[in-house]
Amino acid sequence: MTAEITAIDLLSSTTLVGLMLGAMLPFLFSAFTMKAVGRAAFSIVEEVRRQFREIPGIMDGTGKPDYARCVDISTKGALREMIVPGVLAVVAPVAVGFVLGTEALGGLLIGSVSAGFMLAITMASAGGAWDNAKKYVELGNFGGKGSDSHKAAVEGDMVGDPFKDTSGPSLNILLKLMAIVSLVFAPVFLQVTPLIQVITG
């Protein structure tokens, strides 16, 4: 069964809505993943502080930290925080296909690939640049460690690491997953009347 779409009308309102929704999704997905990194990091920081308070001898090397607890928090946090982004990647094309139809779904995929590709490249490049800027300052340039330049570079690296290690690479998975879900459900979308047509008559 084929979708029988030979062209997508960019002047169609449903296609434009799908296009804009698709362009928005990579940014929303990246926001979720960036916030997830921050929440997981703060939970580990709290655990490390707790261990320093409650386990004697960690600072002088006589006490043994609970490494497994930190790994457990990191693992559970990573799995828990990716539930919403994962559901978003699956639900978005299904919802657009059922509500707006196949042309809007085509617009969704075009918008998400166009925006997601550029955003992923930007995040990878910017994240790497911020990370290397911090290392460059730590070599003694622009005042070296402890300077205002170093403090600014550290702040930039705090954003750069999740950019290049989390949000940027995960956009590739988002785009592929949305395309696969769209292909799997395409025969179903062709069999049903889009909800928007049912409402508007």
C-alpha atoms as a PDB file:
ATOM      1  CA  MET A   1       0.000   0.000   0.000  1.00  0.00           C
ATOM      2  CA  THR A   2       1.364   3.388  -0.968  1.00  0.00           C
ATOM      3  CA  ALA A   3       0.485   6.832   0.325  1.00  0.00           C
ATOM      4  CA  GLU A   4      -0.184   7.997  -3.247  1.00  0.00           C
ATOM      5  CA  ILE A   5       1.208  11.448  -2.491  1.00  0.00           C
ATOM      6  CA  THR A   6       3.123  12.743  -5.503  1.00  0.00           C
ATOM      7  CA  ALA A   7       3.480  16.298  -4.179  1.00  0.00           C
ATOM      8  CA  ILE A   8       2.968  18.213  -0.951  1.00  0.00           C
ATOM      9  CA  ASP A   9       1.166  21.544  -1.259  1.00  0.00           C
ATOM     10  CA  LEU A  10       3.119  24.007   0.872  1.00  0.00           C
ATOM     11  CA  LEU A  11       0.224  26.476   0.655  1.00  0.00           C
ATOM     12  CA  SER A  12      -2.104  23.980   2.325  1.00  0.00           C
ATOM     13  CA  SER A  13      -2.940  24.994   5.889  1.00  0.00           C
ATOM     14  CA  THR A  14      -2.596  21.453   7.240  1.00  0.00           C
ATOM     15  CA  THR A  15       0.806  21.042   5.602  1.00  0.00           C
ATOM     16  CA  LEU A  16       2.003  24.352   7.048  1.00  0.00           C
ATOM     17  CA  VAL A  17       0.779  23.372  10.507  1.00  0.00           C
ATOM     18  CA  GLY A  18       2.636  20.059  10.217  1.00  0.00           C
ATOM     19  CA  LEU A  19       5.735  21.884   8.975  1.00  0.00           C
ATOM     20  CA  MET A  20       5.736  24.270  11.934  1.00  0.00           C
ATOM     21  CA  LEU A  21       5.082  21.488  14.432  1.00  0.00           C
ATOM     22  CA  GLY A  22       7.947  19.504  12.921  1.00  0.00           C
ATOM     23  CA  ALA A  23      10.314  22.472  13.127  1.00  0.00           C
ATOM     24  CA  MET A  24       9.355  22.951  16.774  1.00  0.00           C
ATOM     25  CA  LEU A  25       9.852  19.335  17.888  1.00  0.00           C
ATOM     26  CA  PRO A  26      13.701  19.198  17.826  1.00  0.00           C
ATOM     27  CA  PHE A  27      13.864  22.298  20.037  1.00  0.00           C
ATOM     28  CA  LEU A  28      11.299  20.886  22.465  1.00  0.00           C
ATOM     29  CA  PHE A  29      13.105  17.534  22.528  1.00  0.00           C
ATOM     30  CA  SER A  30      16.448  19.268  23.154  1.00  0.00           C
ATOM     31  CA  ALA A  31      14.927  21.277  26.000  1.00  0.00           C
ATOM     32  CA  PHE A  32      13.723  18.066  27.646  1.00  0.00           C
ATOM     33  CA  THR A  33      17.132  16.397  27.334  1.00  0.00           C
ATOM     34  CA  MET A  34      19.024  19.475  28.576  1.00  0.00           C
ATOM     35  CA  LYS A  35      16.779  19.754  31.636  1.00  0.00           C
ATOM     36  CA  ALA A  36      17.167  16.016  32.221  1.00  0.00           C
ATOM     37  CA  VAL A  37      20.955  16.335  32.373  1.00  0.00           C
ATOM     38  CA  GLY A  38      20.668  19.157  34.895  1.00  0.00           C
ATOM     39  CA  ARG A  39      18.260  17.282  37.156  1.00  0.00           C
ATOM     40  CA  ALA A  40      20.335  14.088  37.082  1.00  0.00           C
ATOM     41  CA  ALA A  41      23.540  16.018  37.803  1.00  0.00           C
ATOM     42  CA  PHE A  42      22.028  17.849  40.781  1.00  0.00           C
ATOM     43  CA  SER A  43      20.714  14.593  42.260  1.00  0.00           C
ATOM     44  CA  ILE A  44      24.222  13.104  42.078  1.00  0.00           C
ATOM     45  CA  VAL A  45      25.710  16.260  43.632  1.00  0.00           C
ATOM     46  CA  GLU A  46      23.261  15.945  46.535  1.00  0.00           C
ATOM     47  CA  GLU A  47      24.222  12.287  47.004  1.00  0.00           C
ATOM     48  CA  VAL A  48      27.950  13.122  47.016  1.00  0.00           C
ATOM     49  CA  ARG A  49      27.367  15.860  49.596  1.00  0.00           C
ATOM     50  CA  ARG A  50      25.358  13.439  51.727  1.00  0.00           C
ATOM     51  CA  GLN A  51      28.171  10.902  51.649  1.00  0.00           C
ATOM     52  CA  PHE A  52      30.714  13.548  52.671  1.00  0.00           C
ATOM     53  CA  ARG A  53      28.493  14.434  55.631  1.00  0.00           C
ATOM     54  CA  GLU A  54      27.551  10.928  56.766  1.00  0.00           C
ATOM     55  CA  ILE A  55      30.538   8.717  55.874  1.00  0.00           C
ATOM     56  CA  PRO A  56      33.587   9.612  57.960  1.00  0.00           C
ATOM     57  CA  GLY A  57      37.072   9.463  56.480  1.00  0.00           C
ATOM     58  CA  ILE A  58      36.252  10.099  52.811  1.00  0.00           C
ATOM     59  CA  MET A  59      38.320  13.274  52.665  1.00  0.00           C
ATOM     60  CA  ASP A  60      41.454  11.697  54.174  1.00  0.00           C
ATOM     61  CA  GLY A  61      41.095   8.397  52.315  1.00  0.00           C
ATOM     62  CA  THR A  62      40.291   6.191  55.315  1.00  0.00           C
ATOM     63  CA  GLY A  63      36.590   5.863  54.479  1.00  0.00           C
ATOM     64  CA  LYS A  64      35.118   4.229  51.384  1.00  0.00           C
ATOM     65  CA  PRO A  65      32.475   6.133  49.393  1.00  0.00           C
ATOM     66  CA  ASP A  66      29.333   4.368  48.198  1.00  0.00           C
ATOM     67  CA  TYR A  67      30.109   4.371  44.479  1.00  0.00           C
ATOM     68  CA  ALA A  68      27.237   2.026  43.645  1.00  0.00           C
ATOM     69  CA  ARG A  69      24.693   4.494  45.009  1.00  0.00           C
ATOM     70  CA  CYS A  70      25.922   7.238  42.645  1.00  0.00           C
ATOM     71  CA  VAL A  71      25.840   4.867  39.668  1.00  0.00           C
ATOM     72  CA  ASP A  72      22.339   3.755  40.667  1.00  0.00           C
ATOM     73  CA  ILE A  73      21.089   7.357  40.838  1.00  0.00           C
ATOM     74  CA  SER A  74      22.664   8.128  37.462  1.00  0.00           C
ATOM     75  CA  THR A  75      21.171   5.063  35.765  1.00  0.00           C
ATOM     76  CA  LYS A  76      17.678   5.471  37.194  1.00  0.00           C
ATOM     77  CA  GLY A  77      17.730   9.185  36.453  1.00  0.00           C
ATOM     78  CA  ALA A  78      18.754   8.613  32.835  1.00  0.00           C
ATOM     79  CA  LEU A  79      15.977   6.076  32.260  1.00  0.00           C
ATOM     80  CA  ARG A  80      13.317   8.104  34.059  1.00  0.00           C
ATOM     81  CA  GLU A  81      14.165  11.400  32.391  1.00  0.00           C
ATOM     82  CA  MET A  82      14.016   9.928  28.876  1.00  0.00           C
ATOM     83  CA  ILE A  83      10.428   8.708  29.218  1.00  0.00           C
ATOM     84  CA  VAL A  84       8.847  12.011  28.168  1.00  0.00           C
ATOM     85  CA  PRO A  85      11.197  12.669  25.190  1.00  0.00           C
ATOM     86  CA  GLY A  86      10.735   9.080  24.033  1.00  0.00           C
ATOM     87  CA  VAL A  87       6.957   9.294  24.227  1.00  0.00           C
ATOM     88  CA  LEU A  88       7.080  12.625  22.386  1.00  0.00           C
ATOM     89  CA  ALA A  89       8.992  11.081  19.479  1.00  0.00           C
ATOM     90  CA  VAL A  90       6.394   8.313  19.087  1.00  0.00           C
ATOM     91  CA  VAL A  91       3.188  10.216  19.847  1.00  0.00           C
ATOM     92  CA  ALA A  92       3.871  13.309  17.703  1.00  0.00           C
ATOM     93  CA  PRO A  93       3.742  11.629  14.245  1.00  0.00           C
ATOM     94  CA  VAL A  94       0.845   9.391  15.283  1.00  0.00           C
ATOM     95  CA  ALA A  95      -1.172  12.347  16.583  1.00  0.00           C
ATOM     96  CA  VAL A  96      -0.472  14.475  13.501  1.00  0.00           C
ATOM     97  CA  GLY A  97      -1.323  11.582  11.180  1.00  0.00           C
ATOM     98  CA  PHE A  98      -4.671  10.889  12.851  1.00  0.00           C
ATOM     99  CA  VAL A  99      -5.670  14.508  13.469  1.00  0.00           C
ATOM    100  CA  LEU A 100      -4.356  16.350  10.390  1.00  0.00           C
ATOM    101  CA  GLY A 101      -3.738  13.602   7.823  1.00  0.00           C
ATOM    102  CA  THR A 102      -0.892  12.343   5.676  1.00  0.00           C
ATOM    103  CA  GLU A 103       0.033  15.653   4.042  1.00  0.00           C
ATOM    104  CA  ALA A 104       0.471  17.263   7.454  1.00  0.00           C
ATOM    105  CA  LEU A 105       2.537  14.256   8.495  1.00  0.00           C
ATOM    106  CA  GLY A 106       4.767  14.828   5.474  1.00  0.00           C
ATOM    107  CA  GLY A 107       5.129  18.448   6.546  1.00  0.00           C
ATOM    108  CA  LEU A 108       5.960  17.318  10.078  1.00  0.00           C
ATOM    109  CA  LEU A 109       8.780  15.100   8.830  1.00  0.00           C
ATOM    110  CA  ILE A 110      10.156  17.787   6.503  1.00  0.00           C
ATOM    111  CA  GLY A 111      10.100  20.396   9.262  1.00  0.00           C
ATOM    112  CA  SER A 112      11.663  18.133  11.871  1.00  0.00           C
ATOM    113  CA  VAL A 113      14.451  16.937   9.570  1.00  0.00           C
ATOM    114  CA  SER A 114      15.255  20.461   8.363  1.00  0.00           C
ATOM    115  CA  ALA A 115      15.314  22.048  11.815  1.00  0.00           C
ATOM    116  CA  GLY A 116      16.755  18.991  13.590  1.00  0.00           C
ATOM    117  CA  PHE A 117      19.664  18.592  11.175  1.00  0.00           C
ATOM    118  CA  MET A 118      20.749  22.216  11.564  1.00  0.00           C
ATOM    119  CA  LEU A 119      20.189  22.176  15.325  1.00  0.00           C
ATOM    120  CA  ALA A 120      22.228  18.987  15.764  1.00  0.00           C
ATOM    121  CA  ILE A 121      25.174  20.447  13.827  1.00  0.00           C
ATOM    122  CA  THR A 122      24.936  23.696  15.794  1.00  0.00           C
ATOM    123  CA  MET A 123      24.862  21.888  19.125  1.00  0.00           C
ATOM    124  CA  ALA A 124      27.777  19.617  18.268  1.00  0.00           C
ATOM    125  CA  SER A 125      29.917  22.505  17.011  1.00  0.00           C
ATOM    126  CA  ALA A 126      29.012  24.968  19.767  1.00  0.00           C
ATOM    127  CA  GLY A 127      29.380  22.364  22.512  1.00  0.00           C
ATOM    128  CA  GLY A 128      32.814  21.349  21.267  1.00  0.00           C
ATOM    129  CA  ALA A 129      33.890  24.983  20.947  1.00  0.00           C
ATOM    130  CA  TRP A 130      32.836  25.814  24.510  1.00  0.00           C
ATOM    131  CA  ASP A 131      34.554  22.709  25.851  1.00  0.00           C
ATOM    132  CA  ASN A 132      37.793  23.504  24.030  1.00  0.00           C
ATOM    133  CA  ALA A 133      37.588  27.163  25.091  1.00  0.00           C
ATOM    134  CA  LYS A 134      37.693  26.103  28.736  1.00  0.00           C
ATOM    135  CA  LYS A 135      40.691  23.843  28.095  1.00  0.00           C
ATOM    136  CA  TYR A 136      42.432  26.659  26.202  1.00  0.00           C
ATOM    137  CA  VAL A 137      41.973  29.070  29.114  1.00  0.00           C
ATOM    138  CA  GLU A 138      43.199  26.414  31.572  1.00  0.00           C
ATOM    139  CA  LEU A 139      46.470  26.231  29.616  1.00  0.00           C
ATOM    140  CA  GLY A 140      47.210  29.777  30.803  1.00  0.00           C
ATOM    141  CA  ASN A 141      45.616  31.857  28.074  1.00  0.00           C
ATOM    142  CA  PHE A 142      43.405  34.864  28.874  1.00  0.00           C
ATOM    143  CA  GLY A 143      44.420  34.818  32.536  1.00  0.00           C
ATOM    144  CA  GLY A 144      44.411  31.067  33.147  1.00  0.00           C
ATOM    145  CA  LYS A 145      42.657  29.266  35.995  1.00  0.00           C
ATOM    146  CA  GLY A 146      40.870  31.419  38.539  1.00  0.00           C
ATOM    147  CA  SER A 147      40.450  34.373  36.191  1.00  0.00           C
ATOM    148  CA  ASP A 148      37.150  35.846  35.056  1.00  0.00           C
ATOM    149  CA  SER A 149      37.774  34.311  31.637  1.00  0.00           C
ATOM    150  CA  HIS A 150      38.097  30.885  33.245  1.00  0.00           C
ATOM    151  CA  LYS A 151      34.874  31.345  35.219  1.00  0.00           C
ATOM    152  CA  ALA A 152      33.054  32.326  32.034  1.00  0.00           C
ATOM    153  CA  ALA A 153      34.568  29.370  30.167  1.00  0.00           C
ATOM    154  CA  VAL A 154      33.443  26.977  32.915  1.00  0.00           C
ATOM    155  CA  GLU A 155      29.898  28.349  32.634  1.00  0.00           C
ATOM    156  CA  GLY A 156      30.036  27.840  28.880  1.00  0.00           C
ATOM    157  CA  ASP A 157      31.321  24.293  29.301  1.00  0.00           C
ATOM    158  CA  MET A 158      28.415  23.479  31.618  1.00  0.00           C
ATOM    159  CA  VAL A 159      26.115  24.178  28.679  1.00  0.00           C
ATOM    160  CA  GLY A 160      28.499  22.829  26.047  1.00  0.00           C
ATOM    161  CA  ASP A 161      28.826  19.324  27.491  1.00  0.00           C
ATOM    162  CA  PRO A 162      25.106  18.481  27.324  1.00  0.00           C
ATOM    163  CA  PHE A 163      24.993  20.199  23.930  1.00  0.00           C
ATOM    164  CA  LYS A 164      27.626  17.972  22.335  1.00  0.00           C
ATOM    165  CA  ASP A 165      27.134  14.802  24.409  1.00  0.00           C
ATOM    166  CA  THR A 166      23.369  14.628  24.974  1.00  0.00           C
ATOM    167  CA  SER A 167      21.037  16.846  22.966  1.00  0.00           C
ATOM    168  CA  GLY A 168      22.999  16.987  19.706  1.00  0.00           C
ATOM    169  CA  PRO A 169      23.496  13.223  19.202  1.00  0.00           C
ATOM    170  CA  SER A 170      20.000  12.360  20.460  1.00  0.00           C
ATOM    171  CA  LEU A 171      18.383  14.439  17.706  1.00  0.00           C
ATOM    172  CA  ASN A 172      19.530  11.808  15.203  1.00  0.00           C
ATOM    173  CA  ILE A 173      17.532   9.198  17.116  1.00  0.00           C
ATOM    174  CA  LEU A 174      14.507  11.512  17.277  1.00  0.00           C
ATOM    175  CA  LEU A 175      14.430  12.042  13.511  1.00  0.00           C
ATOM    176  CA  LYS A 176      14.893   8.361  12.668  1.00  0.00           C
ATOM    177  CA  LEU A 177      12.301   7.229  15.204  1.00  0.00           C
ATOM    178  CA  MET A 178       9.709   9.689  13.922  1.00  0.00           C
ATOM    179  CA  ALA A 179      10.299   8.558  10.333  1.00  0.00           C
ATOM    180  CA  ILE A 180      10.005   4.870  11.260  1.00  0.00           C
ATOM    181  CA  VAL A 181       6.826   5.412  13.300  1.00  0.00           C
ATOM    182  CA  SER A 182       5.329   7.369  10.397  1.00  0.00           C
ATOM    183  CA  LEU A 183       6.101   4.555   7.952  1.00  0.00           C
ATOM    184  CA  VAL A 184       4.701   1.883  10.263  1.00  0.00           C
ATOM    185  CA  PHE A 185       1.416   3.729  10.816  1.00  0.00           C
ATOM    186  CA  ALA A 186       1.073   5.076   7.246  1.00  0.00           C
ATOM    187  CA  PRO A 187      -1.387   2.325   6.141  1.00  0.00           C
ATOM    188  CA  VAL A 188      -3.589   3.147   9.133  1.00  0.00           C
ATOM    189  CA  PHE A 189      -3.538   6.873   8.357  1.00  0.00           C
ATOM    190  CA  LEU A 190      -4.687   6.100   4.803  1.00  0.00           C
ATOM    191  CA  GLN A 191      -7.669   4.089   6.044  1.00  0.00           C
ATOM    192  CA  VAL A 192      -9.077   6.708   8.421  1.00  0.00           C
ATOM    193  CA  THR A 193     -10.461  10.175   7.804  1.00  0.00           C
ATOM    194  CA  PRO A 194      -8.330  12.847   9.531  1.00  0.00           C
ATOM    195  CA  LEU A 195     -10.027  14.187  12.649  1.00  0.00           C
ATOM    196  CA  ILE A 196      -9.766  17.767  11.399  1.00  0.00           C
ATOM    197  CA  GLN A 197     -11.916  16.844   8.370  1.00  0.00           C
ATOM    198  CA  VAL A 198     -14.476  15.134  10.595  1.00  0.00           C
ATOM    199  CA  ILE A 199     -14.764  18.256  12.766  1.00  0.00           C
ATOM    200  CA  THR A 200     -14.878  20.785   9.936  1.00  0.00           C
ATOM    201  CA  GLY A 201     -17.050  18.629   7.721  1.00  0.00           C
END
